[in-house]
Amino acid sequence: MAEPLKILLVDDEESIRKVVEQTLKKENYQVLYAPDGEKALEIFKNENLDLIILDVMIPERDGFEVCQLIRQESSVPIIILSAKSDIVDKSVGFNLGADDYLTKPFSPVELSLRVKALIRRTLNDENKKGRNLQCTRKGDLEIDCKSHEIRVRGKKVELTPKEFELLCFLADHPGQVFTREQIFKHLWGEEYIGDTGTITVLVRRIREKIEKNPAKPEFLKTVWGVGYKFSN
């Protein structure tokens, strides 16, 4: 019998802990718990985790700092929890490498679906490793999907995993317009339920890193009323 997948919950609210633990244990996940950032990092270093659910407002080290430190060593999926729904707050989380963002209060069903989607996506990505993926060049931009590298005017640009995946997806279909919902499904899977404004945040972050003038993008174009495309 396979070992249950191991999920770390980092949150100092007892009510949240109870809801998350009950929800995930029903799905046969093993749930570890940390009430603060220091304990979270200790568990991360000592356990082989499959996913982390990380609250922003926690003692010792806040969730953003913990996320940043974990990303320096691991690509384990991270869901950020926050009472804030501000797009700037989301932007910070995604820029530090979070894979998803869930605003409190949330429903147990939504949490469960997002966890399943992220884990499935991670397993699919592992299975795809070693494929001969394309290297796309357009003007000053070079996207090497195989080596997971982006270069602009010969200089390497660091993208988070989700930013890289979004850019590769659009670059693989130059000139084709995708709605936010379509991009959402590609990044998180068919079962994913959430705020498509997340795509807006990711696109803005990518533009800030690859475009000469993010306000007048050369590569990632907005098609008003529809979605986004990679310029052909």
Protein backbone atom coordinates (compact mmCIF):
# COMPACT_ATOMS: atom_id res chain seq x y z
CA MET A 1 0.00 0.00 0.00
CA ALA A 2 1.39 3.42 -1.00
CA GLU A 3 2.45 5.87 1.67
CA PRO A 4 -0.04 8.74 2.16
CA LEU A 5 1.04 12.06 0.68
CA LYS A 6 2.47 14.39 3.31
CA ILE A 7 1.14 17.94 3.65
CA LEU A 8 2.45 20.62 6.01
CA LEU A 9 -0.02 23.17 7.36
CA VAL A 10 1.55 26.37 8.73
CA ASP A 11 -1.02 28.49 10.59
CA ASP A 12 -1.38 29.77 14.15
CA GLU A 13 -5.21 29.82 14.13
CA GLU A 14 -6.69 26.78 15.86
CA SER A 15 -9.97 27.05 13.94
CA ILE A 16 -8.13 26.94 10.60
CA ARG A 17 -6.02 24.02 11.79
CA LYS A 18 -9.11 21.97 12.66
CA VAL A 19 -10.85 22.66 9.35
CA VAL A 20 -7.79 21.90 7.23
CA GLU A 21 -6.82 18.77 9.15
CA GLN A 22 -10.35 17.35 8.97
CA THR A 23 -10.63 18.14 5.27
CA LEU A 24 -7.29 16.64 4.25
CA LYS A 25 -7.46 13.58 6.48
CA LYS A 26 -10.76 12.66 4.80
CA GLU A 27 -8.77 12.53 1.56
CA ASN A 28 -6.17 10.25 3.22
CA TYR A 29 -3.40 12.84 3.35
CA GLN A 30 -0.96 12.86 6.26
CA VAL A 31 -1.07 16.32 7.84
CA LEU A 32 1.87 17.83 9.72
CA TYR A 33 1.44 21.09 11.60
CA ALA A 34 3.57 24.13 12.41
CA PRO A 35 2.26 27.18 14.35
CA ASP A 36 5.07 29.52 13.26
CA GLY A 37 7.69 30.12 10.58
CA GLU A 38 10.64 28.67 12.50
CA LYS A 39 8.87 25.38 13.17
CA ALA A 40 7.75 25.26 9.53
CA LEU A 41 11.34 25.51 8.29
CA GLU A 42 12.45 22.86 10.79
CA ILE A 43 9.79 20.41 9.54
CA PHE A 44 10.59 21.26 5.92
CA LYS A 45 14.25 20.35 6.46
CA ASN A 46 13.45 17.06 8.21
CA GLU A 47 10.48 15.75 6.22
CA ASN A 48 9.87 14.82 2.59
CA LEU A 49 6.81 17.00 1.96
CA ASP A 50 4.42 16.75 -0.99
CA LEU A 51 2.72 20.13 -0.44
CA ILE A 52 2.76 23.08 1.96
CA ILE A 53 -0.22 25.23 3.00
CA LEU A 54 1.29 28.43 4.35
CA ASP A 55 -0.45 31.30 6.12
CA VAL A 56 1.02 34.77 5.61
CA MET A 57 0.50 36.17 9.13
CA ILE A 58 2.37 33.73 11.38
CA PRO A 59 4.80 34.34 14.29
CA GLU A 60 8.62 34.26 14.15
CA ARG A 61 8.96 34.48 10.34
CA ASP A 62 6.01 35.50 8.17
CA GLY A 63 4.70 33.30 5.38
CA PHE A 64 6.34 35.30 2.59
CA GLU A 65 9.79 34.90 4.16
CA VAL A 66 9.22 31.18 4.74
CA CYS A 67 8.07 30.77 1.13
CA GLN A 68 11.17 32.56 -0.15
CA LEU A 69 13.52 30.42 1.97
CA ILE A 70 11.85 27.17 0.90
CA ARG A 71 12.01 28.17 -2.77
CA GLN A 72 15.77 28.52 -2.51
CA GLU A 73 15.96 24.78 -1.87
CA SER A 74 12.82 23.11 -3.18
CA SER A 75 10.02 23.26 -5.77
CA VAL A 76 7.48 21.63 -3.43
CA PRO A 77 4.00 23.05 -4.21
CA ILE A 78 3.02 25.92 -1.90
CA ILE A 79 -0.48 27.32 -1.32
CA ILE A 80 -0.48 30.71 0.41
CA LEU A 81 -3.31 31.47 2.86
CA SER A 82 -4.21 35.06 3.63
CA ALA A 83 -7.05 37.18 4.93
CA LYS A 84 -6.10 39.71 2.29
CA SER A 85 -7.41 39.64 -1.28
CA ASP A 86 -5.40 42.63 -2.50
CA ILE A 87 -3.80 42.02 -5.91
CA VAL A 88 -0.50 43.47 -4.61
CA ASP A 89 -0.41 40.89 -1.82
CA LYS A 90 -1.02 38.14 -4.37
CA SER A 91 1.72 39.53 -6.55
CA VAL A 92 4.21 39.29 -3.68
CA GLY A 93 3.28 35.67 -3.01
CA PHE A 94 3.58 34.58 -6.63
CA ASN A 95 6.80 36.49 -7.12
CA LEU A 96 8.34 34.60 -4.20
CA GLY A 97 7.41 31.30 -5.81
CA ALA A 98 3.98 30.36 -4.43
CA ASP A 99 1.94 28.10 -6.69
CA ASP A 100 -1.50 29.15 -5.51
CA TYR A 101 -3.23 31.71 -3.29
CA LEU A 102 -6.33 31.09 -1.19
CA THR A 103 -8.12 33.92 0.61
CA LYS A 104 -9.74 33.39 4.03
CA PRO A 105 -12.46 32.47 4.66
CA PHE A 106 -12.40 29.53 2.23
CA SER A 107 -14.55 26.45 1.84
CA PRO A 108 -13.13 23.01 2.66
CA VAL A 109 -14.27 21.78 -0.75
CA GLU A 110 -12.33 24.50 -2.55
CA LEU A 111 -9.21 23.78 -0.50
CA SER A 112 -9.47 20.07 -1.27
CA LEU A 113 -9.85 20.69 -5.00
CA ARG A 114 -6.89 23.02 -5.11
CA VAL A 115 -4.69 20.57 -3.22
CA LYS A 116 -5.66 17.74 -5.58
CA ALA A 117 -5.08 19.90 -8.65
CA LEU A 118 -1.65 21.05 -7.50
CA ILE A 119 -0.48 17.57 -6.55
CA ARG A 120 -1.75 16.11 -9.83
CA ARG A 121 -0.06 18.89 -11.74
CA THR A 122 3.22 18.27 -9.94
CA LEU A 123 3.07 14.54 -10.73
CA ASN A 124 2.32 15.30 -14.38
CA ASP A 125 5.27 17.70 -14.54
CA GLU A 126 7.54 15.00 -13.10
CA ASN A 127 6.36 12.59 -15.79
CA LYS A 128 7.11 15.15 -18.50
CA LYS A 129 10.73 15.64 -17.46
CA GLY A 130 13.17 14.60 -20.14
CA ARG A 131 10.85 15.44 -23.03
CA ASN A 132 12.35 17.30 -25.95
CA LEU A 133 10.71 20.66 -25.37
CA GLN A 134 11.02 23.60 -27.72
CA CYS A 135 13.44 26.48 -27.49
CA THR A 136 11.63 29.59 -28.71
CA ARG A 137 13.30 32.79 -29.88
CA LYS A 138 11.61 36.08 -30.70
CA GLY A 139 13.59 39.28 -30.97
CA ASP A 140 15.59 39.78 -27.78
CA LEU A 141 13.71 36.99 -25.96
CA GLU A 142 14.92 33.38 -25.75
CA ILE A 143 12.85 30.70 -23.99
CA ASP A 144 14.59 27.37 -23.41
CA CYS A 145 11.95 25.05 -21.97
CA LYS A 146 14.36 22.12 -21.69
CA SER A 147 16.89 23.92 -19.49
CA HIS A 148 14.15 26.03 -17.88
CA GLU A 149 15.94 29.28 -18.75
CA ILE A 150 14.77 32.66 -20.02
CA ARG A 151 17.17 35.19 -21.53
CA VAL A 152 16.44 38.76 -22.56
CA ARG A 153 19.14 40.46 -24.63
CA GLY A 154 21.47 37.63 -23.59
CA LYS A 155 20.89 38.16 -19.86
CA LYS A 156 19.28 35.40 -17.79
CA VAL A 157 15.92 36.29 -16.24
CA GLU A 158 14.55 34.48 -13.18
CA LEU A 159 10.89 33.43 -13.37
CA THR A 160 8.91 31.53 -10.76
CA PRO A 161 7.70 28.04 -11.83
CA LYS A 162 4.19 29.26 -12.61
CA GLU A 163 5.43 32.33 -14.50
CA PHE A 164 7.70 30.10 -16.58
CA GLU A 165 4.91 27.60 -17.28
CA LEU A 166 2.51 30.35 -18.37
CA LEU A 167 5.08 31.94 -20.69
CA CYS A 168 6.02 28.57 -22.25
CA PHE A 169 2.36 27.71 -22.79
CA LEU A 170 1.63 30.92 -24.70
CA ALA A 171 4.95 30.82 -26.59
CA ASP A 172 4.17 27.28 -27.76
CA HIS A 173 1.05 28.70 -29.47
CA PRO A 174 2.20 32.01 -31.01
CA GLY A 175 -0.62 34.25 -32.17
CA GLN A 176 -3.30 32.09 -30.53
CA VAL A 177 -5.52 33.88 -28.02
CA PHE A 178 -6.33 32.13 -24.74
CA THR A 179 -8.89 33.24 -22.17
CA ARG A 180 -7.89 33.52 -18.53
CA GLU A 181 -10.01 30.46 -17.82
CA GLN A 182 -8.14 28.41 -20.45
CA ILE A 183 -4.77 29.47 -19.08
CA PHE A 184 -6.03 28.72 -15.58
CA LYS A 185 -6.96 25.16 -16.54
CA HIS A 186 -3.59 24.59 -18.18
CA LEU A 187 -1.68 25.80 -15.10
CA TRP A 188 -3.77 24.17 -12.38
CA GLY A 189 -5.85 21.44 -14.01
CA GLU A 190 -9.48 20.86 -14.93
CA GLU A 191 -10.73 20.59 -11.33
CA TYR A 192 -9.23 23.90 -10.29
CA ILE A 193 -11.61 26.47 -8.84
CA GLY A 194 -10.43 29.97 -8.11
CA ASP A 195 -9.91 33.58 -9.07
CA THR A 196 -8.82 34.09 -12.69
CA GLY A 197 -7.39 37.43 -11.56
CA THR A 198 -4.40 35.30 -10.61
CA ILE A 199 -3.56 35.12 -14.33
CA THR A 200 -3.56 38.91 -14.52
CA VAL A 201 -1.04 39.02 -11.68
CA LEU A 202 1.23 36.43 -13.31
CA VAL A 203 1.16 38.15 -16.70
CA ARG A 204 2.01 41.50 -15.10
CA ARG A 205 4.95 39.95 -13.25
CA ILE A 206 6.27 38.28 -16.42
CA ARG A 207 6.03 41.54 -18.36
CA GLU A 208 8.00 43.37 -15.67
CA LYS A 209 10.81 40.85 -16.18
CA ILE A 210 10.93 40.39 -19.98
CA GLU A 211 9.48 43.50 -21.61
CA LYS A 212 11.41 46.72 -22.31
CA ASN A 213 8.22 48.63 -21.55
CA PRO A 214 5.68 46.53 -19.60
CA ALA A 215 2.96 49.09 -20.38
CA LYS A 216 3.51 48.46 -24.11
CA PRO A 217 4.42 44.77 -24.26
CA GLU A 218 6.17 43.32 -27.28
CA PHE A 219 5.78 39.63 -26.38
CA LEU A 220 2.79 39.05 -24.10
CA LYS A 221 -0.15 40.85 -25.69
CA THR A 222 -3.54 41.56 -24.16
CA VAL A 223 -6.54 40.94 -26.41
CA TRP A 224 -9.13 43.12 -24.73
CA GLY A 225 -12.30 41.32 -23.71
CA VAL A 226 -10.77 37.93 -24.50
CA GLY A 227 -7.42 37.15 -22.87
CA TYR A 228 -3.74 36.94 -23.81
CA LYS A 229 -1.48 35.77 -26.61
CA PHE A 230 2.23 35.48 -27.41
CA SER A 231 3.06 37.74 -30.33
CA ASN A 232 3.83 35.84 -33.54
